[in-house]
Full PDB file with SEQRES, HELIX, SHEET, SSBOND, CRYST1, ORIGX, SCALE, CONECT and MASTER records, all heavy atoms in Angstrom:
SEQRES   1 A   38  ASP GLY ALA TYR CYS LEU ASP SER HIS GLY VAL HIS HIS          
SEQRES   2 A   38  LEU THR LEU GLU GLY VAL ILE GLU THR PRO PRO GLU SER          
SEQRES   3 A   38  ASN ALA PHE GLY THR ILE TYR VAL TYR GLU ASP LYS              
HELIX    1 AA1 VAL A   19  GLU A   21  5                                   3    
SHEET    1 AA1 2 ALA A   3  LEU A   6  0                                        
SHEET    2 AA1 2 HIS A  12  THR A  15 -1                                        
CRYST1    1.000    1.000    1.000  90.00  90.00  90.00 P 1           1          
ORIGX1      1.000000  0.000000  0.000000        0.00000                         
ORIGX2      0.000000  1.000000  0.000000        0.00000                         
ORIGX3      0.000000  0.000000  1.000000        0.00000                         
SCALE1      1.000000  0.000000  0.000000        0.00000                         
SCALE2      0.000000  1.000000  0.000000        0.00000                         
SCALE3      0.000000  0.000000  1.000000        0.00000                         
ATOM      1  N   ASP A   1      -0.709 -10.664   0.007  1.00  0.00           N  
ATOM      2  CA  ASP A   1      -1.826 -10.249   0.853  1.00  0.00           C  
ATOM      3  C   ASP A   1      -1.646  -8.837   1.405  1.00  0.00           C  
ATOM      4  O   ASP A   1      -2.599  -8.261   1.934  1.00  0.00           O  
ATOM      5  CB  ASP A   1      -2.004 -11.216   2.031  1.00  0.00           C  
ATOM      6  CG  ASP A   1      -2.558 -12.566   1.587  1.00  0.00           C  
ATOM      7  OD1 ASP A   1      -3.173 -12.620   0.506  1.00  0.00           O  
ATOM      8  OD2 ASP A   1      -2.371 -13.551   2.316  1.00  0.00           O  
ATOM      9  N   GLY A   2      -0.443  -8.291   1.333  1.00  0.00           N  
ATOM     10  CA  GLY A   2      -0.186  -6.963   1.865  1.00  0.00           C  
ATOM     11  C   GLY A   2      -0.093  -6.962   3.375  1.00  0.00           C  
ATOM     12  O   GLY A   2      -0.509  -7.903   4.054  1.00  0.00           O  
ATOM     13  N   ALA A   3       0.483  -5.890   3.929  1.00  0.00           N  
ATOM     14  CA  ALA A   3       0.626  -5.752   5.383  1.00  0.00           C  
ATOM     15  C   ALA A   3       1.049  -4.323   5.692  1.00  0.00           C  
ATOM     16  O   ALA A   3       1.482  -3.577   4.808  1.00  0.00           O  
ATOM     17  CB  ALA A   3       1.659  -6.741   5.928  1.00  0.00           C  
ATOM     18  N   TYR A   4       0.943  -3.962   6.974  1.00  0.00           N  
ATOM     19  CA  TYR A   4       1.320  -2.600   7.394  1.00  0.00           C  
ATOM     20  C   TYR A   4       1.723  -2.609   8.857  1.00  0.00           C  
ATOM     21  O   TYR A   4       1.146  -3.351   9.676  1.00  0.00           O  
ATOM     22  CB  TYR A   4       0.151  -1.622   7.208  1.00  0.00           C  
ATOM     23  CG  TYR A   4       0.378  -0.312   7.928  1.00  0.00           C  
ATOM     24  CD1 TYR A   4       1.158   0.693   7.357  1.00  0.00           C  
ATOM     25  CD2 TYR A   4      -0.160  -0.095   9.204  1.00  0.00           C  
ATOM     26  CE1 TYR A   4       1.403   1.879   8.033  1.00  0.00           C  
ATOM     27  CE2 TYR A   4       0.076   1.085   9.885  1.00  0.00           C  
ATOM     28  CZ  TYR A   4       0.859   2.070   9.297  1.00  0.00           C  
ATOM     29  OH  TYR A   4       1.105   3.238   9.977  1.00  0.00           O  
ATOM     30  N   CYS A   5       2.706  -1.776   9.197  1.00  0.00           N  
ATOM     31  CA  CYS A   5       2.984  -1.498  10.610  1.00  0.00           C  
ATOM     32  C   CYS A   5       3.657  -0.137  10.729  1.00  0.00           C  
ATOM     33  O   CYS A   5       4.262   0.376   9.777  1.00  0.00           O  
ATOM     34  CB  CYS A   5       3.854  -2.588  11.245  1.00  0.00           C  
ATOM     35  SG  CYS A   5       5.605  -2.497  10.821  1.00  0.00           S  
ATOM     36  N   LEU A   6       3.543   0.459  11.896  1.00  0.00           N  
ATOM     37  CA  LEU A   6       4.267   1.668  12.276  1.00  0.00           C  
ATOM     38  C   LEU A   6       5.308   1.228  13.285  1.00  0.00           C  
ATOM     39  O   LEU A   6       4.969   0.704  14.349  1.00  0.00           O  
ATOM     40  CB  LEU A   6       3.312   2.690  12.896  1.00  0.00           C  
ATOM     41  CG  LEU A   6       3.936   4.008  13.371  1.00  0.00           C  
ATOM     42  CD1 LEU A   6       4.488   4.805  12.194  1.00  0.00           C  
ATOM     43  CD2 LEU A   6       2.897   4.838  14.130  1.00  0.00           C  
ATOM     44  N   ASP A   7       6.586   1.404  12.973  1.00  0.00           N  
ATOM     45  CA  ASP A   7       7.610   0.837  13.842  1.00  0.00           C  
ATOM     46  C   ASP A   7       7.931   1.738  15.035  1.00  0.00           C  
ATOM     47  O   ASP A   7       7.360   2.826  15.189  1.00  0.00           O  
ATOM     48  CB  ASP A   7       8.862   0.448  13.044  1.00  0.00           C  
ATOM     49  CG  ASP A   7       9.750   1.620  12.612  1.00  0.00           C  
ATOM     50  OD1 ASP A   7       9.653   2.720  13.185  1.00  0.00           O  
ATOM     51  OD2 ASP A   7      10.568   1.420  11.689  1.00  0.00           O  
ATOM     52  N   SER A   8       8.833   1.274  15.886  1.00  0.00           N  
ATOM     53  CA  SER A   8       9.146   1.951  17.144  1.00  0.00           C  
ATOM     54  C   SER A   8       9.800   3.312  16.944  1.00  0.00           C  
ATOM     55  O   SER A   8       9.866   4.119  17.873  1.00  0.00           O  
ATOM     56  CB  SER A   8      10.071   1.069  17.989  1.00  0.00           C  
ATOM     57  OG  SER A   8      11.278   0.791  17.285  1.00  0.00           O  
ATOM     58  N   HIS A   9      10.289   3.600  15.737  1.00  0.00           N  
ATOM     59  CA  HIS A   9      10.910   4.889  15.434  1.00  0.00           C  
ATOM     60  C   HIS A   9       9.984   5.792  14.628  1.00  0.00           C  
ATOM     61  O   HIS A   9      10.417   6.832  14.111  1.00  0.00           O  
ATOM     62  CB  HIS A   9      12.219   4.674  14.661  1.00  0.00           C  
ATOM     63  CG  HIS A   9      13.329   4.126  15.497  1.00  0.00           C  
ATOM     64  ND1 HIS A   9      13.301   2.858  16.037  1.00  0.00           N  
ATOM     65  CD2 HIS A   9      14.503   4.685  15.893  1.00  0.00           C  
ATOM     66  CE1 HIS A   9      14.421   2.652  16.728  1.00  0.00           C  
ATOM     67  NE2 HIS A   9      15.149   3.741  16.653  1.00  0.00           N  
ATOM     68  N   GLY A  10       8.722   5.399  14.508  1.00  0.00           N  
ATOM     69  CA  GLY A  10       7.755   6.233  13.806  1.00  0.00           C  
ATOM     70  C   GLY A  10       7.796   6.122  12.294  1.00  0.00           C  
ATOM     71  O   GLY A  10       7.239   6.976  11.594  1.00  0.00           O  
ATOM     72  N   VAL A  11       8.434   5.066  11.761  1.00  0.00           N  
ATOM     73  CA  VAL A  11       8.505   4.856  10.315  1.00  0.00           C  
ATOM     74  C   VAL A  11       7.362   3.943   9.880  1.00  0.00           C  
ATOM     75  O   VAL A  11       7.155   2.878  10.471  1.00  0.00           O  
ATOM     76  CB  VAL A  11       9.856   4.239   9.909  1.00  0.00           C  
ATOM     77  CG1 VAL A  11       9.897   3.983   8.404  1.00  0.00           C  
ATOM     78  CG2 VAL A  11      11.013   5.141  10.335  1.00  0.00           C  
ATOM     79  N   HIS A  12       6.629   4.358   8.865  1.00  0.00           N  
ATOM     80  CA  HIS A  12       5.548   3.542   8.314  1.00  0.00           C  
ATOM     81  C   HIS A  12       6.137   2.486   7.372  1.00  0.00           C  
ATOM     82  O   HIS A  12       6.982   2.808   6.527  1.00  0.00           O  
ATOM     83  CB  HIS A  12       4.561   4.411   7.535  1.00  0.00           C  
ATOM     84  CG  HIS A  12       3.880   5.468   8.353  1.00  0.00           C  
ATOM     85  ND1 HIS A  12       2.723   5.233   9.056  1.00  0.00           N  
ATOM     86  CD2 HIS A  12       4.213   6.765   8.593  1.00  0.00           C  
ATOM     87  CE1 HIS A  12       2.352   6.340   9.688  1.00  0.00           C  
ATOM     88  NE2 HIS A  12       3.243   7.282   9.420  1.00  0.00           N  
ATOM     89  N   HIS A  13       5.681   1.256   7.507  1.00  0.00           N  
ATOM     90  CA  HIS A  13       6.090   0.170   6.617  1.00  0.00           C  
ATOM     91  C   HIS A  13       4.837  -0.369   5.939  1.00  0.00           C  
ATOM     92  O   HIS A  13       3.978  -0.980   6.596  1.00  0.00           O  
ATOM     93  CB  HIS A  13       6.790  -0.942   7.398  1.00  0.00           C  
ATOM     94  CG  HIS A  13       8.093  -0.515   7.998  1.00  0.00           C  
ATOM     95  ND1 HIS A  13       9.311  -0.739   7.379  1.00  0.00           N  
ATOM     96  CD2 HIS A  13       8.362   0.140   9.154  1.00  0.00           C  
ATOM     97  CE1 HIS A  13      10.277  -0.251   8.142  1.00  0.00           C  
ATOM     98  NE2 HIS A  13       9.738   0.291   9.214  1.00  0.00           N  
ATOM     99  N   LEU A  14       4.728  -0.119   4.646  1.00  0.00           N  
ATOM    100  CA  LEU A  14       3.538  -0.506   3.900  1.00  0.00           C  
ATOM    101  C   LEU A  14       3.913  -1.508   2.809  1.00  0.00           C  
ATOM    102  O   LEU A  14       4.703  -1.202   1.920  1.00  0.00           O  
ATOM    103  CB  LEU A  14       2.885   0.727   3.267  1.00  0.00           C  
ATOM    104  CG  LEU A  14       1.662   0.476   2.383  1.00  0.00           C  
ATOM    105  CD1 LEU A  14       0.529  -0.172   3.172  1.00  0.00           C  
ATOM    106  CD2 LEU A  14       1.200   1.779   1.739  1.00  0.00           C  
ATOM    107  N   THR A  15       3.365  -2.709   2.905  1.00  0.00           N  
ATOM    108  CA  THR A  15       3.534  -3.731   1.877  1.00  0.00           C  
ATOM    109  C   THR A  15       2.255  -3.768   1.062  1.00  0.00           C  
ATOM    110  O   THR A  15       1.185  -4.091   1.585  1.00  0.00           O  
ATOM    111  CB  THR A  15       3.816  -5.106   2.506  1.00  0.00           C  
ATOM    112  OG1 THR A  15       4.992  -5.009   3.318  1.00  0.00           O  
ATOM    113  CG2 THR A  15       4.021  -6.157   1.441  1.00  0.00           C  
ATOM    114  N   LEU A  16       2.360  -3.413  -0.199  1.00  0.00           N  
ATOM    115  CA  LEU A  16       1.183  -3.301  -1.044  1.00  0.00           C  
ATOM    116  C   LEU A  16       0.700  -4.671  -1.514  1.00  0.00           C  
ATOM    117  O   LEU A  16       1.505  -5.562  -1.790  1.00  0.00           O  
ATOM    118  CB  LEU A  16       1.501  -2.429  -2.258  1.00  0.00           C  
ATOM    119  CG  LEU A  16       1.836  -0.971  -1.915  1.00  0.00           C  
ATOM    120  CD1 LEU A  16       2.531  -0.299  -3.084  1.00  0.00           C  
ATOM    121  CD2 LEU A  16       0.575  -0.217  -1.532  1.00  0.00           C  
ATOM    122  N   GLU A  17      -0.595  -4.826  -1.606  1.00  0.00           N  
ATOM    123  CA  GLU A  17      -1.180  -6.074  -2.077  1.00  0.00           C  
ATOM    124  C   GLU A  17      -0.748  -6.358  -3.511  1.00  0.00           C  
ATOM    125  O   GLU A  17      -0.515  -5.446  -4.310  1.00  0.00           O  
ATOM    126  CB  GLU A  17      -2.712  -5.991  -2.014  1.00  0.00           C  
ATOM    127  CG  GLU A  17      -3.277  -5.889  -0.612  1.00  0.00           C  
ATOM    128  CD  GLU A  17      -3.407  -4.469  -0.092  1.00  0.00           C  
ATOM    129  OE1 GLU A  17      -2.843  -3.547  -0.736  1.00  0.00           O  
ATOM    130  OE2 GLU A  17      -4.045  -4.263   0.950  1.00  0.00           O  
ATOM    131  N   GLY A  18      -0.656  -7.641  -3.847  1.00  0.00           N  
ATOM    132  CA  GLY A  18      -0.227  -8.019  -5.189  1.00  0.00           C  
ATOM    133  C   GLY A  18      -1.366  -7.934  -6.191  1.00  0.00           C  
ATOM    134  O   GLY A  18      -2.386  -8.610  -6.048  1.00  0.00           O  
ATOM    135  N   VAL A  19      -1.183  -7.107  -7.199  1.00  0.00           N  
ATOM    136  CA  VAL A  19      -2.241  -6.966  -8.205  1.00  0.00           C  
ATOM    137  C   VAL A  19      -2.355  -8.215  -9.078  1.00  0.00           C  
ATOM    138  O   VAL A  19      -3.327  -8.375  -9.818  1.00  0.00           O  
ATOM    139  CB  VAL A  19      -2.015  -5.716  -9.082  1.00  0.00           C  
ATOM    140  CG1 VAL A  19      -2.072  -4.467  -8.243  1.00  0.00           C  
ATOM    141  CG2 VAL A  19      -0.706  -5.799  -9.839  1.00  0.00           C  
ATOM    142  N   ILE A  20      -1.358  -9.119  -8.972  1.00  0.00           N  
ATOM    143  CA  ILE A  20      -1.423 -10.366  -9.741  1.00  0.00           C  
ATOM    144  C   ILE A  20      -2.628 -11.217  -9.327  1.00  0.00           C  
ATOM    145  O   ILE A  20      -3.100 -12.070 -10.080  1.00  0.00           O  
ATOM    146  CB  ILE A  20      -0.113 -11.167  -9.565  1.00  0.00           C  
ATOM    147  CG1 ILE A  20      -0.003 -12.267 -10.617  1.00  0.00           C  
ATOM    148  CG2 ILE A  20       0.008 -11.735  -8.159  1.00  0.00           C  
ATOM    149  CD1 ILE A  20       1.343 -12.966 -10.631  1.00  0.00           C  
ATOM    150  N   GLU A  21      -3.158 -10.980  -8.131  1.00  0.00           N  
ATOM    151  CA  GLU A  21      -4.327 -11.729  -7.656  1.00  0.00           C  
ATOM    152  C   GLU A  21      -5.642 -11.142  -8.165  1.00  0.00           C  
ATOM    153  O   GLU A  21      -6.712 -11.669  -7.868  1.00  0.00           O  
ATOM    154  CB  GLU A  21      -4.351 -11.734  -6.115  1.00  0.00           C  
ATOM    155  CG  GLU A  21      -3.058 -12.191  -5.456  1.00  0.00           C  
ATOM    156  CD  GLU A  21      -2.778 -13.668  -5.646  1.00  0.00           C  
ATOM    157  OE1 GLU A  21      -3.653 -14.365  -6.172  1.00  0.00           O  
ATOM    158  OE2 GLU A  21      -1.680 -14.106  -5.270  1.00  0.00           O  
ATOM    159  N   THR A  22      -5.583 -10.037  -8.895  1.00  0.00           N  
ATOM    160  CA  THR A  22      -6.796  -9.388  -9.381  1.00  0.00           C  
ATOM    161  C   THR A  22      -7.464 -10.233 -10.469  1.00  0.00           C  
ATOM    162  O   THR A  22      -6.796 -10.685 -11.389  1.00  0.00           O  
ATOM    163  CB  THR A  22      -6.449  -8.000  -9.952  1.00  0.00           C  
ATOM    164  OG1 THR A  22      -5.797  -7.238  -8.941  1.00  0.00           O  
ATOM    165  CG2 THR A  22      -7.692  -7.262 -10.411  1.00  0.00           C  
ATOM    166  N   PRO A  23      -8.773 -10.467 -10.384  1.00  0.00           N  
ATOM    167  CA  PRO A  23      -9.453 -11.271 -11.410  1.00  0.00           C  
ATOM    168  C   PRO A  23      -9.338 -10.644 -12.796  1.00  0.00           C  
ATOM    169  O   PRO A  23      -9.243  -9.415 -12.928  1.00  0.00           O  
ATOM    170  CB  PRO A  23     -10.916 -11.277 -10.938  1.00  0.00           C  
ATOM    171  CG  PRO A  23     -10.852 -10.975  -9.476  1.00  0.00           C  
ATOM    172  CD  PRO A  23      -9.679 -10.061  -9.301  1.00  0.00           C  
ATOM    173  N   PRO A  24      -9.336 -11.457 -13.840  1.00  0.00           N  
ATOM    174  CA  PRO A  24      -9.287 -10.923 -15.206  1.00  0.00           C  
ATOM    175  C   PRO A  24     -10.423  -9.938 -15.460  1.00  0.00           C  
ATOM    176  O   PRO A  24     -11.519 -10.060 -14.896  1.00  0.00           O  
ATOM    177  CB  PRO A  24      -9.425 -12.173 -16.083  1.00  0.00           C  
ATOM    178  CG  PRO A  24      -8.949 -13.295 -15.215  1.00  0.00           C  
ATOM    179  CD  PRO A  24      -9.337 -12.922 -13.815  1.00  0.00           C  
ATOM    180  N   GLU A  25     -10.133  -8.957 -16.303  1.00  0.00           N  
ATOM    181  CA  GLU A  25     -11.095  -7.929 -16.718  1.00  0.00           C  
ATOM    182  C   GLU A  25     -11.503  -7.007 -15.572  1.00  0.00           C  
ATOM    183  O   GLU A  25     -12.476  -6.253 -15.696  1.00  0.00           O  
ATOM    184  CB  GLU A  25     -12.356  -8.560 -17.346  1.00  0.00           C  
ATOM    185  CG  GLU A  25     -12.076  -9.566 -18.439  1.00  0.00           C  
ATOM    186  CD  GLU A  25     -11.189  -8.995 -19.549  1.00  0.00           C  
ATOM    187  OE1 GLU A  25     -11.328  -7.806 -19.863  1.00  0.00           O  
ATOM    188  OE2 GLU A  25     -10.341  -9.752 -20.066  1.00  0.00           O  
ATOM    189  N   SER A  26     -10.796  -7.048 -14.450  1.00  0.00           N  
ATOM    190  CA  SER A  26     -11.041  -6.084 -13.382  1.00  0.00           C  
ATOM    191  C   SER A  26      -9.775  -5.250 -13.209  1.00  0.00           C  
ATOM    192  O   SER A  26      -8.810  -5.402 -13.963  1.00  0.00           O  
ATOM    193  CB  SER A  26     -11.415  -6.791 -12.079  1.00  0.00           C  
ATOM    194  OG  SER A  26     -10.368  -7.635 -11.649  1.00  0.00           O  
ATOM    195  N   ASN A  27      -9.752  -4.392 -12.215  1.00  0.00           N  
ATOM    196  CA  ASN A  27      -8.661  -3.446 -12.102  1.00  0.00           C  
ATOM    197  C   ASN A  27      -8.178  -3.356 -10.667  1.00  0.00           C  
ATOM    198  O   ASN A  27      -8.928  -3.621  -9.728  1.00  0.00           O  
ATOM    199  CB  ASN A  27      -9.105  -2.064 -12.588  1.00  0.00           C  
ATOM    200  CG  ASN A  27      -8.000  -1.328 -13.328  1.00  0.00           C  
ATOM    201  OD1 ASN A  27      -6.824  -1.581 -13.093  1.00  0.00           O  
ATOM    202  ND2 ASN A  27      -8.386  -0.423 -14.212  1.00  0.00           N  
ATOM    203  N   ALA A  28      -6.928  -2.972 -10.495  1.00  0.00           N  
ATOM    204  CA  ALA A  28      -6.381  -2.726  -9.155  1.00  0.00           C  
ATOM    205  C   ALA A  28      -5.196  -1.788  -9.295  1.00  0.00           C  
ATOM    206  O   ALA A  28      -4.293  -2.026 -10.081  1.00  0.00           O  
ATOM    207  CB  ALA A  28      -5.948  -4.034  -8.486  1.00  0.00           C  
ATOM    208  N   PHE A  29      -5.219  -0.719  -8.539  1.00  0.00           N  
ATOM    209  CA  PHE A  29      -4.098   0.215  -8.521  1.00  0.00           C  
ATOM    210  C   PHE A  29      -4.239   1.107  -7.295  1.00  0.00           C  
ATOM    211  O   PHE A  29      -5.271   1.119  -6.622  1.00  0.00           O  
ATOM    212  CB  PHE A  29      -4.039   1.074  -9.801  1.00  0.00           C  
ATOM    213  CG  PHE A  29      -5.237   1.954 -10.021  1.00  0.00           C  
ATOM    214  CD1 PHE A  29      -5.276   3.240  -9.496  1.00  0.00           C  
ATOM    215  CD2 PHE A  29      -6.324   1.501 -10.747  1.00  0.00           C  
ATOM    216  CE1 PHE A  29      -6.378   4.061  -9.703  1.00  0.00           C  
ATOM    217  CE2 PHE A  29      -7.437   2.307 -10.957  1.00  0.00           C  
ATOM    218  CZ  PHE A  29      -7.465   3.596 -10.435  1.00  0.00           C  
ATOM    219  N   GLY A  30      -3.199   1.844  -7.006  1.00  0.00           N  
ATOM    220  CA  GLY A  30      -3.244   2.777  -5.888  1.00  0.00           C  
ATOM    221  C   GLY A  30      -2.583   4.082  -6.279  1.00  0.00           C  
ATOM    222  O   GLY A  30      -1.643   4.114  -7.073  1.00  0.00           O  
ATOM    223  N   THR A  31      -3.092   5.165  -5.739  1.00  0.00           N  
ATOM    224  CA  THR A  31      -2.502   6.491  -5.931  1.00  0.00           C  
ATOM    225  C   THR A  31      -2.151   7.042  -4.563  1.00  0.00           C  
ATOM    226  O   THR A  31      -2.990   7.062  -3.664  1.00  0.00           O  
ATOM    227  CB  THR A  31      -3.482   7.446  -6.634  1.00  0.00           C  
ATOM    228  OG1 THR A  31      -3.869   6.878  -7.889  1.00  0.00           O  
ATOM    229  CG2 THR A  31      -2.829   8.809  -6.871  1.00  0.00           C  
ATOM    230  N   ILE A  32      -0.894   7.462  -4.404  1.00  0.00           N  
ATOM    231  CA  ILE A  32      -0.452   8.039  -3.135  1.00  0.00           C  
ATOM    232  C   ILE A  32      -0.356   9.547  -3.287  1.00  0.00           C  
ATOM    233  O   ILE A  32       0.360  10.046  -4.163  1.00  0.00           O  
ATOM    234  CB  ILE A  32       0.898   7.456  -2.683  1.00  0.00           C  
ATOM    235  CG1 ILE A  32       0.755   5.958  -2.398  1.00  0.00           C  
ATOM    236  CG2 ILE A  32       1.410   8.173  -1.445  1.00  0.00           C  
ATOM    237  CD1 ILE A  32       2.040   5.285  -1.941  1.00  0.00           C  
ATOM    238  N   TYR A  33      -1.083  10.258  -2.451  1.00  0.00           N  
ATOM    239  CA  TYR A  33      -1.037  11.721  -2.407  1.00  0.00           C  
ATOM    240  C   TYR A  33      -0.081  12.116  -1.279  1.00  0.00           C  
ATOM    241  O   TYR A  33      -0.251  11.671  -0.140  1.00  0.00           O  
ATOM    242  CB  TYR A  33      -2.436  12.294  -2.167  1.00  0.00           C  
ATOM    243  CG  TYR A  33      -3.414  11.919  -3.262  1.00  0.00           C  
ATOM    244  CD1 TYR A  33      -4.143  10.735  -3.203  1.00  0.00           C  
ATOM    245  CD2 TYR A  33      -3.583  12.752  -4.373  1.00  0.00           C  
ATOM    246  CE1 TYR A  33      -5.028  10.383  -4.219  1.00  0.00           C  
ATOM    247  CE2 TYR A  33      -4.467  12.405  -5.391  1.00  0.00           C  
ATOM    248  CZ  TYR A  33      -5.187  11.225  -5.306  1.00  0.00           C  
ATOM    249  OH  TYR A  33      -6.058  10.874  -6.316  1.00  0.00           O  
ATOM    250  N   VAL A  34       0.910  12.921  -1.618  1.00  0.00           N  
ATOM    251  CA  VAL A  34       1.978  13.247  -0.674  1.00  0.00           C  
ATOM    252  C   VAL A  34       1.861  14.704  -0.239  1.00  0.00           C  
ATOM    253  O   VAL A  34       1.797  15.617  -1.079  1.00  0.00           O  
ATOM    254  CB  VAL A  34       3.360  12.990  -1.310  1.00  0.00           C  
ATOM    255  CG1 VAL A  34       4.472  13.287  -0.310  1.00  0.00           C  
ATOM    256  CG2 VAL A  34       3.463  11.549  -1.796  1.00  0.00           C  
ATOM    257  N   TYR A  35       1.854  14.895   1.071  1.00  0.00           N  
ATOM    258  CA  TYR A  35       1.794  16.224   1.670  1.00  0.00           C  
ATOM    259  C   TYR A  35       3.007  16.406   2.577  1.00  0.00           C  
ATOM    260  O   TYR A  35       3.761  15.464   2.808  1.00  0.00           O  
ATOM    261  CB  TYR A  35       0.500  16.391   2.475  1.00  0.00           C  
ATOM    262  CG  TYR A  35      -0.751  16.174   1.652  1.00  0.00           C  
ATOM    263  CD1 TYR A  35      -1.283  14.884   1.493  1.00  0.00           C  
ATOM    264  CD2 TYR A  35      -1.397  17.235   1.025  1.00  0.00           C  
ATOM    265  CE1 TYR A  35      -2.429  14.671   0.730  1.00  0.00           C  
ATOM    266  CE2 TYR A  35      -2.546  17.030   0.271  1.00  0.00           C  
ATOM    267  CZ  TYR A  35      -3.056  15.752   0.125  1.00  0.00           C  
ATOM    268  OH  TYR A  35      -4.190  15.541  -0.615  1.00  0.00           O  
ATOM    269  N   GLU A  36       3.186  17.597   3.102  1.00  0.00           N  
ATOM    270  CA  GLU A  36       4.339  17.856   3.964  1.00  0.00           C  
ATOM    271  C   GLU A  36       4.307  17.015   5.226  1.00  0.00           C  
ATOM    272  O   GLU A  36       5.359  16.684   5.787  1.00  0.00           O  
ATOM    273  CB  GLU A  36       4.397  19.340   4.333  1.00  0.00           C  
ATOM    274  CG  GLU A  36       4.838  20.244   3.196  1.00  0.00           C  
ATOM    275  CD  GLU A  36       5.139  21.652   3.668  1.00  0.00           C  
ATOM    276  OE1 GLU A  36       5.012  21.909   4.885  1.00  0.00           O  
ATOM    277  OE2 GLU A  36       5.510  22.489   2.824  1.00  0.00           O  
ATOM    278  N   ASP A  37       3.116  16.657   5.699  1.00  0.00           N  
ATOM    279  CA  ASP A  37       3.011  15.953   6.981  1.00  0.00           C  
ATOM    280  C   ASP A  37       2.332  14.599   6.901  1.00  0.00           C  
ATOM    281  O   ASP A  37       2.091  13.958   7.925  1.00  0.00           O  
ATOM    282  CB  ASP A  37       2.255  16.835   7.986  1.00  0.00           C  
ATOM    283  CG  ASP A  37       0.824  17.132   7.546  1.00  0.00           C  
ATOM    284  OD1 ASP A  37       0.518  16.957   6.344  1.00  0.00           O  
ATOM    285  OD2 ASP A  37       0.009  17.538   8.397  1.00  0.00           O  
ATOM    286  N   LYS A  38       2.016  14.133   5.694  1.00  0.00           N  
ATOM    287  CA  LYS A  38       1.318  12.848   5.580  1.00  0.00           C  
ATOM    288  C   LYS A  38       1.347  12.349   4.151  1.00  0.00           C  
ATOM    289  O   LYS A  38       1.614  13.098   3.204  1.00  0.00           O  
ATOM    290  CB  LYS A  38      -0.131  12.960   6.057  1.00  0.00           C  
ATOM    291  CG  LYS A  38      -0.995  13.912   5.266  1.00  0.00           C  
ATOM    292  CD  LYS A  38      -2.402  13.965   5.851  1.00  0.00           C  
ATOM    293  CE  LYS A  38      -3.289  15.001   5.159  1.00  0.00           C  
ATOM    294  NZ  LYS A  38      -2.842  16.385   5.444  1.00  0.00           N  
TER     295      LYS A  38                                                      
MASTER        0    0    0    1    2    0    0    6  294    1    0    3          
END                                                                             
């Protein structure tokens, strides 16, 4: 199901959703764009 939190030290914790739950013949993916500050 995925989950997210920002912890007490400012670290992001991102649990990505499981693509195994995606219906047949459909699609699921993610692209992360990385910058110096985000």
